[in-house]
């Protein structure tokens, strides 16, 4: 079985690949222990600033499925189909 090689990349593709590689290297250089510590502090300050908007989950009952006790309203399309079925039964 003979495999054909891939076509050579165009100059435009090579330039774009090199630009992307350089950009990724710059981003990697920006990830330092100091930068991580600074970002961590920013996140903690954001959480503290928005603490008043948080909901205390200890006082709430949370369940994934409430057995349709709080079902969504029917859409207009479904309501019209139900209505036409009712009319058809009469």
PDB file of N, CA and C in Angstrom:
ATOM      1  N   UNK A   1       0.848  -1.178   0.000  1.00  0.00           N
ATOM      2  CA  UNK A   1       0.000   0.000   0.000  1.00  0.00           C
ATOM      3  C   UNK A   1       0.896   1.244   0.000  1.00  0.00           C
ATOM      4  N   UNK A   2       0.677   2.131  -0.938  1.00  0.00           N
ATOM      5  CA  UNK A   2       1.496   3.326  -1.089  1.00  0.00           C
ATOM      6  C   UNK A   2       0.745   4.512  -0.492  1.00  0.00           C
ATOM      7  N   UNK A   3       1.446   5.234   0.412  1.00  0.00           N
ATOM      8  CA  UNK A   3       0.823   6.417   1.005  1.00  0.00           C
ATOM      9  C   UNK A   3       1.357   7.653   0.315  1.00  0.00           C
ATOM     10  N   UNK A   4       0.482   8.564   0.030  1.00  0.00           N
ATOM     11  CA  UNK A   4       0.892   9.822  -0.579  1.00  0.00           C
ATOM     12  C   UNK A   4       1.219  10.807   0.531  1.00  0.00           C
ATOM     13  N   UNK A   5       2.246  11.605   0.329  1.00  0.00           N
ATOM     14  CA  UNK A   5       2.613  12.621   1.308  1.00  0.00           C
ATOM     15  C   UNK A   5       1.651  13.789   1.255  1.00  0.00           C
ATOM     16  N   UNK A   6       1.670  14.572   2.312  1.00  0.00           N
ATOM     17  CA  UNK A   6       0.814  15.759   2.354  1.00  0.00           C
ATOM     18  C   UNK A   6       1.406  16.841   1.469  1.00  0.00           C
ATOM     19  N   UNK A   7       0.571  17.661   0.923  1.00  0.00           N
ATOM     20  CA  UNK A   7       1.032  18.785   0.106  1.00  0.00           C
ATOM     21  C   UNK A   7       1.773  19.769   0.996  1.00  0.00           C
ATOM     22  N   UNK A   8       2.768  20.430   0.428  1.00  0.00           N
ATOM     23  CA  UNK A   8       3.545  21.402   1.187  1.00  0.00           C
ATOM     24  C   UNK A   8       2.672  22.616   1.513  1.00  0.00           C
ATOM     25  N   UNK A   9       2.895  23.186   2.705  1.00  0.00           N
ATOM     26  CA  UNK A   9       2.108  24.341   3.128  1.00  0.00           C
ATOM     27  C   UNK A   9       2.460  25.562   2.293  1.00  0.00           C
ATOM     28  N   UNK A  10       1.475  26.399   2.089  1.00  0.00           N
ATOM     29  CA  UNK A  10       1.721  27.648   1.364  1.00  0.00           C
ATOM     30  C   UNK A  10       2.474  28.614   2.276  1.00  0.00           C
ATOM     31  N   UNK A  11       3.053  29.631   1.687  1.00  0.00           N
ATOM     32  CA  UNK A  11       3.783  30.638   2.466  1.00  0.00           C
ATOM     33  C   UNK A  11       2.846  31.342   3.443  1.00  0.00           C
ATOM     34  N   UNK A  12       1.634  31.597   3.002  1.00  0.00           N
ATOM     35  CA  UNK A  12       0.651  32.269   3.869  1.00  0.00           C
ATOM     36  C   UNK A  12       0.357  31.416   5.099  1.00  0.00           C
ATOM     37  N   UNK A  13       0.199  30.101   4.890  1.00  0.00           N
ATOM     38  CA  UNK A  13      -0.073  29.192   6.006  1.00  0.00           C
ATOM     39  C   UNK A  13       1.125  29.135   6.942  1.00  0.00           C
ATOM     40  N   UNK A  14       2.334  29.107   6.385  1.00  0.00           N
ATOM     41  CA  UNK A  14       3.550  29.072   7.211  1.00  0.00           C
ATOM     42  C   UNK A  14       3.655  30.330   8.063  1.00  0.00           C
ATOM     43  N   UNK A  15       3.384  31.504   7.448  1.00  0.00           N
ATOM     44  CA  UNK A  15       3.444  32.764   8.195  1.00  0.00           C
ATOM     45  C   UNK A  15       2.416  32.780   9.317  1.00  0.00           C
ATOM     46  N   UNK A  16       1.214  32.344   9.002  1.00  0.00           N
ATOM     47  CA  UNK A  16       0.139  32.330   9.999  1.00  0.00           C
ATOM     48  C   UNK A  16       0.483  31.382  11.136  1.00  0.00           C
ATOM     49  N   UNK A  17       1.027  30.207  10.800  1.00  0.00           N
ATOM     50  CA  UNK A  17       1.423  29.236  11.823  1.00  0.00           C
ATOM     51  C   UNK A  17       2.509  29.818  12.728  1.00  0.00           C
ATOM     52  N   UNK A  18       3.474  30.529  12.145  1.00  0.00           N
ATOM     53  CA  UNK A  18       4.556  31.131  12.920  1.00  0.00           C
ATOM     54  C   UNK A  18       4.019  32.232  13.833  1.00  0.00           C
ATOM     55  N   UNK A  19       3.111  33.068  13.310  1.00  0.00           N
ATOM     56  CA  UNK A  19       2.508  34.121  14.139  1.00  0.00           C
ATOM     57  C   UNK A  19       1.767  33.516  15.324  1.00  0.00           C
ATOM     58  N   UNK A  20       1.022  32.456  15.061  1.00  0.00           N
ATOM     59  CA  UNK A  20       0.271  31.792  16.123  1.00  0.00           C
ATOM     60  C   UNK A  20       1.218  31.197  17.159  1.00  0.00           C
ATOM     61  N   UNK A  21       2.306  30.576  16.698  1.00  0.00           N
ATOM     62  CA  UNK A  21       3.285  29.994  17.616  1.00  0.00           C
ATOM     63  C   UNK A  21       3.892  31.081  18.509  1.00  0.00           C
ATOM     64  N   UNK A  22       4.244  32.228  17.902  1.00  0.00           N
ATOM     65  CA  UNK A  22       4.815  33.332  18.675  1.00  0.00           C
ATOM     66  C   UNK A  22       3.816  33.872  19.694  1.00  0.00           C
ATOM     67  N   UNK A  23       2.571  33.995  19.275  1.00  0.00           N
ATOM     68  CA  UNK A  23       1.539  34.507  20.180  1.00  0.00           C
ATOM     69  C   UNK A  23       1.348  33.562  21.367  1.00  0.00           C
ATOM     70  N   UNK A  24       1.341  32.251  21.097  1.00  0.00           N
ATOM     71  CA  UNK A  24       1.192  31.272  22.177  1.00  0.00           C
ATOM     72  C   UNK A  24       2.387  31.311  23.122  1.00  0.00           C
ATOM     73  N   UNK A  25       3.593  31.507  22.574  1.00  0.00           N
ATOM     74  CA  UNK A  25       4.782  31.623  23.426  1.00  0.00           C
ATOM     75  C   UNK A  25       4.678  32.840  24.332  1.00  0.00           C
ATOM     76  N   UNK A  26       4.219  33.971  23.776  1.00  0.00           N
ATOM     77  CA  UNK A  26       4.048  35.185  24.578  1.00  0.00           C
ATOM     78  C   UNK A  26       3.049  34.952  25.703  1.00  0.00           C
ATOM     79  N   UNK A  27       1.960  34.255  25.387  1.00  0.00           N
ATOM     80  CA  UNK A  27       0.955  33.966  26.411  1.00  0.00           C
ATOM     81  C   UNK A  27       1.547  33.068  27.492  1.00  0.00           C
ATOM     82  N   UNK A  28       2.324  32.062  27.086  1.00  0.00           N
ATOM     83  CA  UNK A  28       2.941  31.157  28.056  1.00  0.00           C
ATOM     84  C   UNK A  28       3.905  31.900  28.966  1.00  0.00           C
ATOM     85  N   UNK A  29       4.627  32.882  28.422  1.00  0.00           N
ATOM     86  CA  UNK A  29       5.561  33.653  29.236  1.00  0.00           C
ATOM     87  C   UNK A  29       4.825  34.518  30.252  1.00  0.00           C
ATOM     88  N   UNK A  30       3.589  34.877  29.948  1.00  0.00           N
ATOM     89  CA  UNK A  30       2.799  35.703  30.865  1.00  0.00           C
ATOM     90  C   UNK A  30       2.252  34.927  32.050  1.00  0.00           C
ATOM     91  N   UNK A  31       2.302  33.600  31.970  1.00  0.00           N
ATOM     92  CA  UNK A  31       1.799  32.768  33.068  1.00  0.00           C
ATOM     93  C   UNK A  31       2.953  32.497  34.023  1.00  0.00           C
ATOM     94  N   UNK A  32       3.051  33.339  35.027  1.00  0.00           N
ATOM     95  CA  UNK A  32       4.107  33.217  36.032  1.00  0.00           C
ATOM     96  C   UNK A  32       3.457  33.028  37.397  1.00  0.00           C
ATOM     97  N   UNK A  33       4.231  32.585  38.373  1.00  0.00           N
ATOM     98  CA  UNK A  33       3.659  32.467  39.728  1.00  0.00           C
ATOM     99  C   UNK A  33       3.083  33.793  40.232  1.00  0.00           C
ATOM    100  N   UNK A  34       3.749  34.902  39.890  1.00  0.00           N
ATOM    101  CA  UNK A  34       3.247  36.212  40.326  1.00  0.00           C
ATOM    102  C   UNK A  34       1.917  36.529  39.638  1.00  0.00           C
ATOM    103  N   UNK A  35       1.827  36.219  38.341  1.00  0.00           N
ATOM    104  CA  UNK A  35       0.589  36.493  37.610  1.00  0.00           C
ATOM    105  C   UNK A  35      -0.550  35.634  38.144  1.00  0.00           C
ATOM    106  N   UNK A  36      -0.255  34.380  38.463  1.00  0.00           N
ATOM    107  CA  UNK A  36      -1.285  33.498  39.025  1.00  0.00           C
ATOM    108  C   UNK A  36      -1.750  34.006  40.385  1.00  0.00           C
ATOM    109  N   UNK A  37      -0.797  34.464  41.198  1.00  0.00           N
ATOM    110  CA  UNK A  37      -1.148  34.986  42.522  1.00  0.00           C
ATOM    111  C   UNK A  37      -2.002  36.246  42.385  1.00  0.00           C
ATOM    112  N   UNK A  38      -1.635  37.113  41.432  1.00  0.00           N
ATOM    113  CA  UNK A  38      -2.396  38.345  41.202  1.00  0.00           C
ATOM    114  C   UNK A  38      -3.819  38.018  40.742  1.00  0.00           C
ATOM    115  N   UNK A  39      -3.957  37.069  39.815  1.00  0.00           N
ATOM    116  CA  UNK A  39      -5.284  36.693  39.317  1.00  0.00           C
ATOM    117  C   UNK A  39      -6.110  36.062  40.428  1.00  0.00           C
ATOM    118  N   UNK A  40      -5.472  35.254  41.273  1.00  0.00           N
ATOM    119  CA  UNK A  40      -6.163  34.640  42.401  1.00  0.00           C
ATOM    120  C   UNK A  40      -6.706  35.719  43.341  1.00  0.00           C
ATOM    121  N   UNK A  41      -5.901  36.738  43.593  1.00  0.00           N
ATOM    122  CA  UNK A  41      -6.346  37.846  44.450  1.00  0.00           C
ATOM    123  C   UNK A  41      -7.523  38.580  43.816  1.00  0.00           C
ATOM    124  N   UNK A  42      -7.459  38.797  42.494  1.00  0.00           N
ATOM    125  CA  UNK A  42      -8.566  39.457  41.799  1.00  0.00           C
ATOM    126  C   UNK A  42      -9.855  38.652  41.935  1.00  0.00           C
ATOM    127  N   UNK A  43      -9.752  37.347  41.804  1.00  0.00           N
ATOM    128  CA  UNK A  43     -10.934  36.483  41.920  1.00  0.00           C
ATOM    129  C   UNK A  43     -11.504  36.557  43.329  1.00  0.00           C
ATOM    130  N   UNK A  44     -10.629  36.514  44.338  1.00  0.00           N
ATOM    131  CA  UNK A  44     -11.101  36.596  45.721  1.00  0.00           C
ATOM    132  C   UNK A  44     -11.782  37.932  45.997  1.00  0.00           C
ATOM    133  N   UNK A  45     -11.217  39.027  45.451  1.00  0.00           N
ATOM    134  CA  UNK A  45     -11.842  40.347  45.640  1.00  0.00           C
ATOM    135  C   UNK A  45     -13.201  40.400  44.953  1.00  0.00           C
ATOM    136  N   UNK A  46     -13.313  39.805  43.754  1.00  0.00           N
ATOM    137  CA  UNK A  46     -14.589  39.792  43.037  1.00  0.00           C
ATOM    138  C   UNK A  46     -15.634  39.031  43.843  1.00  0.00           C
ATOM    139  N   UNK A  47     -15.248  37.886  44.384  1.00  0.00           N
ATOM    140  CA  UNK A  47     -16.174  37.086  45.193  1.00  0.00           C
ATOM    141  C   UNK A  47     -16.622  37.879  46.419  1.00  0.00           C
ATOM    142  N   UNK A  48     -15.681  38.554  47.072  1.00  0.00           N
ATOM    143  CA  UNK A  48     -16.018  39.344  48.259  1.00  0.00           C
ATOM    144  C   UNK A  48     -16.951  40.501  47.897  1.00  0.00           C
ATOM    145  N   UNK A  49     -16.696  41.162  46.755  1.00  0.00           N
ATOM    146  CA  UNK A  49     -17.544  42.282  46.327  1.00  0.00           C
ATOM    147  C   UNK A  49     -18.964  41.842  46.049  1.00  0.00           C
ATOM    148  N   UNK A  50     -19.144  40.636  45.542  1.00  0.00           N
ATOM    149  CA  UNK A  50     -20.469  40.156  45.163  1.00  0.00           C
ATOM    150  C   UNK A  50     -21.096  39.241  46.215  1.00  0.00           C
ATOM    151  N   UNK A  51     -20.531  39.195  47.393  1.00  0.00           N
ATOM    152  CA  UNK A  51     -21.038  38.309  48.441  1.00  0.00           C
ATOM    153  C   UNK A  51     -22.473  38.642  48.821  1.00  0.00           C
ATOM    154  N   UNK A  52     -22.842  39.915  48.756  1.00  0.00           N
ATOM    155  CA  UNK A  52     -24.201  40.306  49.151  1.00  0.00           C
ATOM    156  C   UNK A  52     -25.255  39.758  48.188  1.00  0.00           C
ATOM    157  N   UNK A  53     -24.856  39.434  46.965  1.00  0.00           N
ATOM    158  CA  UNK A  53     -25.799  38.928  45.968  1.00  0.00           C
ATOM    159  C   UNK A  53     -25.951  37.409  46.023  1.00  0.00           C
ATOM    160  N   UNK A  54     -25.151  36.762  46.835  1.00  0.00           N
ATOM    161  CA  UNK A  54     -25.191  35.306  46.893  1.00  0.00           C
ATOM    162  C   UNK A  54     -26.431  34.817  47.629  1.00  0.00           C
ATOM    163  N   UNK A  55     -26.856  33.618  47.294  1.00  0.00           N
ATOM    164  CA  UNK A  55     -28.014  32.997  47.922  1.00  0.00           C
ATOM    165  C   UNK A  55     -27.505  31.932  48.883  1.00  0.00           C
ATOM    166  N   UNK A  56     -28.007  31.957  50.095  1.00  0.00           N
ATOM    167  CA  UNK A  56     -27.599  30.951  51.078  1.00  0.00           C
ATOM    168  C   UNK A  56     -28.281  29.630  50.735  1.00  0.00           C
ATOM    169  N   UNK A  57     -27.525  28.685  50.253  1.00  0.00           N
ATOM    170  CA  UNK A  57     -28.110  27.415  49.826  1.00  0.00           C
ATOM    171  C   UNK A  57     -28.484  26.516  50.995  1.00  0.00           C
ATOM    172  N   UNK A  58     -27.955  26.789  52.157  1.00  0.00           N
ATOM    173  CA  UNK A  58     -28.296  25.957  53.315  1.00  0.00           C
ATOM    174  C   UNK A  58     -29.786  26.078  53.653  1.00  0.00           C
ATOM    175  N   UNK A  59     -30.370  27.237  53.328  1.00  0.00           N
ATOM    176  CA  UNK A  59     -31.785  27.444  53.640  1.00  0.00           C
ATOM    177  C   UNK A  59     -32.693  27.042  52.476  1.00  0.00           C
ATOM    178  N   UNK A  60     -32.117  26.590  51.379  1.00  0.00           N
ATOM    179  CA  UNK A  60     -32.903  26.203  50.204  1.00  0.00           C
ATOM    180  C   UNK A  60     -32.872  24.696  50.027  1.00  0.00           C
ATOM    181  N   UNK A  61     -33.956  24.188  49.516  1.00  0.00           N
ATOM    182  CA  UNK A  61     -34.021  22.776  49.180  1.00  0.00           C
ATOM    183  C   UNK A  61     -33.794  22.658  47.679  1.00  0.00           C
ATOM    184  N   UNK A  62     -32.807  21.882  47.301  1.00  0.00           N
ATOM    185  CA  UNK A  62     -32.459  21.761  45.889  1.00  0.00           C
ATOM    186  C   UNK A  62     -32.639  20.318  45.457  1.00  0.00           C
ATOM    187  N   UNK A  63     -33.343  20.138  44.341  1.00  0.00           N
ATOM    188  CA  UNK A  63     -33.464  18.798  43.768  1.00  0.00           C
ATOM    189  C   UNK A  63     -33.391  18.931  42.256  1.00  0.00           C
ATOM    190  N   UNK A  64     -32.935  17.882  41.607  1.00  0.00           N
ATOM    191  CA  UNK A  64     -32.792  17.940  40.165  1.00  0.00           C
ATOM    192  C   UNK A  64     -34.118  17.744  39.454  1.00  0.00           C
ATOM    193  N   UNK A  65     -35.010  16.970  40.024  1.00  0.00           N
ATOM    194  CA  UNK A  65     -36.287  16.696  39.368  1.00  0.00           C
ATOM    195  C   UNK A  65     -37.375  16.697  40.417  1.00  0.00           C
ATOM    196  N   UNK A  66     -38.379  17.515  40.233  1.00  0.00           N
ATOM    197  CA  UNK A  66     -39.437  17.638  41.238  1.00  0.00           C
ATOM    198  C   UNK A  66     -40.721  16.935  40.811  1.00  0.00           C
ATOM    199  N   UNK A  67     -40.594  15.920  39.965  1.00  0.00           N
ATOM    200  CA  UNK A  67     -41.739  15.127  39.516  1.00  0.00           C
ATOM    201  C   UNK A  67     -42.841  16.005  38.925  1.00  0.00           C
ATOM    202  N   UNK A  68     -42.440  16.997  38.151  1.00  0.00           N
ATOM    203  CA  UNK A  68     -43.332  17.918  37.438  1.00  0.00           C
ATOM    204  C   UNK A  68     -44.278  18.697  38.347  1.00  0.00           C
ATOM    205  N   UNK A  69     -43.869  18.943  39.569  1.00  0.00           N
ATOM    206  CA  UNK A  69     -44.684  19.782  40.443  1.00  0.00           C
ATOM    207  C   UNK A  69     -44.645  21.232  39.957  1.00  0.00           C
ATOM    208  N   UNK A  70     -43.562  21.601  39.310  1.00  0.00           N
ATOM    209  CA  UNK A  70     -43.413  22.959  38.781  1.00  0.00           C
ATOM    210  C   UNK A  70     -43.169  22.885  37.277  1.00  0.00           C
ATOM    211  N   UNK A  71     -44.097  22.300  36.569  1.00  0.00           N
ATOM    212  CA  UNK A  71     -43.941  22.121  35.124  1.00  0.00           C
ATOM    213  C   UNK A  71     -44.021  23.462  34.407  1.00  0.00           C
ATOM    214  N   UNK A  72     -43.329  23.560  33.289  1.00  0.00           N
ATOM    215  CA  UNK A  72     -43.363  24.775  32.479  1.00  0.00           C
ATOM    216  C   UNK A  72     -44.717  24.888  31.788  1.00  0.00           C
ATOM    217  N   UNK A  73     -45.103  26.119  31.471  1.00  0.00           N
ATOM    218  CA  UNK A  73     -46.355  26.343  30.743  1.00  0.00           C
ATOM    219  C   UNK A  73     -46.239  25.748  29.342  1.00  0.00           C
ATOM    220  N   UNK A  74     -47.389  25.351  28.796  1.00  0.00           N
ATOM    221  CA  UNK A  74     -47.406  24.821  27.437  1.00  0.00           C
ATOM    222  C   UNK A  74     -47.126  25.943  26.445  1.00  0.00           C
ATOM    223  N   UNK A  75     -46.423  25.618  25.384  1.00  0.00           N
ATOM    224  CA  UNK A  75     -46.164  26.611  24.344  1.00  0.00           C
ATOM    225  C   UNK A  75     -47.451  26.868  23.564  1.00  0.00           C
ATOM    226  N   UNK A  76     -47.465  27.952  22.805  1.00  0.00           N
ATOM    227  CA  UNK A  76     -48.656  28.280  22.010  1.00  0.00           C
ATOM    228  C   UNK A  76     -48.942  27.186  20.998  1.00  0.00           C
ATOM    229  N   UNK A  77     -47.889  26.636  20.405  1.00  0.00           N
ATOM    230  CA  UNK A  77     -48.083  25.597  19.392  1.00  0.00           C
ATOM    231  C   UNK A  77     -48.731  24.361  20.011  1.00  0.00           C
ATOM    232  N   UNK A  78     -48.194  23.921  21.153  1.00  0.00           N
ATOM    233  CA  UNK A  78     -48.753  22.742  21.818  1.00  0.00           C
ATOM    234  C   UNK A  78     -50.173  23.030  22.267  1.00  0.00           C
ATOM    235  N   UNK A  79     -50.412  24.227  22.785  1.00  0.00           N
ATOM    236  CA  UNK A  79     -51.767  24.589  23.218  1.00  0.00           C
ATOM    237  C   UNK A  79     -52.742  24.549  22.053  1.00  0.00           C
ATOM    238  N   UNK A  80     -52.312  25.019  20.877  1.00  0.00           N
ATOM    239  CA  UNK A  80     -53.214  25.000  19.717  1.00  0.00           C
ATOM    240  C   UNK A  80     -53.478  23.571  19.255  1.00  0.00           C
ATOM    241  N   UNK A  81     -52.477  22.699  19.336  1.00  0.00           N
ATOM    242  CA  UNK A  81     -52.675  21.293  18.966  1.00  0.00           C
ATOM    243  C   UNK A  81     -53.651  20.636  19.935  1.00  0.00           C
ATOM    244  N   UNK A  82     -53.493  20.902  21.223  1.00  0.00           N
ATOM    245  CA  UNK A  82     -54.400  20.347  22.228  1.00  0.00           C
ATOM    246  C   UNK A  82     -55.818  20.829  21.957  1.00  0.00           C
ATOM    247  N   UNK A  83     -55.957  22.110  21.658  1.00  0.00           N
ATOM    248  CA  UNK A  83     -57.281  22.675  21.392  1.00  0.00           C
ATOM    249  C   UNK A  83     -57.911  22.043  20.154  1.00  0.00           C
ATOM    250  N   UNK A  84     -57.110  21.846  19.100  1.00  0.00           N
ATOM    251  CA  UNK A  84     -57.663  21.232  17.883  1.00  0.00           C
ATOM    252  C   UNK A  84     -58.048  19.776  18.136  1.00  0.00           C
ATOM    253  N   UNK A  85     -57.298  19.080  18.977  1.00  0.00           N
ATOM    254  CA  UNK A  85     -57.659  17.702  19.326  1.00  0.00           C
ATOM    255  C   UNK A  85     -58.965  17.664  20.111  1.00  0.00           C
ATOM    256  N   UNK A  86     -59.126  18.621  21.016  1.00  0.00           N
ATOM    257  CA  UNK A  86     -60.373  18.683  21.790  1.00  0.00           C
ATOM    258  C   UNK A  86     -61.552  18.946  20.864  1.00  0.00           C
ATOM    259  N   UNK A  87     -61.363  19.842  19.906  1.00  0.00           N
ATOM    260  CA  UNK A  87     -62.432  20.156  18.950  1.00  0.00           C
ATOM    261  C   UNK A  87     -62.761  18.930  18.100  1.00  0.00           C
ATOM    262  N   UNK A  88     -61.736  18.154  17.749  1.00  0.00           N
ATOM    263  CA  UNK A  88     -61.936  16.963  16.934  1.00  0.00           C
ATOM    264  C   UNK A  88     -62.694  15.879  17.671  1.00  0.00           C
ATOM    265  N   UNK A  89     -62.561  15.831  18.983  1.00  0.00           N
ATOM    266  CA  UNK A  89     -63.245  14.823  19.796  1.00  0.00           C
ATOM    267  C   UNK A  89     -64.729  15.144  19.894  1.00  0.00           C
ATOM    268  N   UNK A  90     -65.081  16.417  19.924  1.00  0.00           N
ATOM    269  CA  UNK A  90     -66.484  16.828  20.106  1.00  0.00           C
ATOM    270  C   UNK A  90     -67.332  16.499  18.940  1.00  0.00           C
TER     271      UNK A  90
END
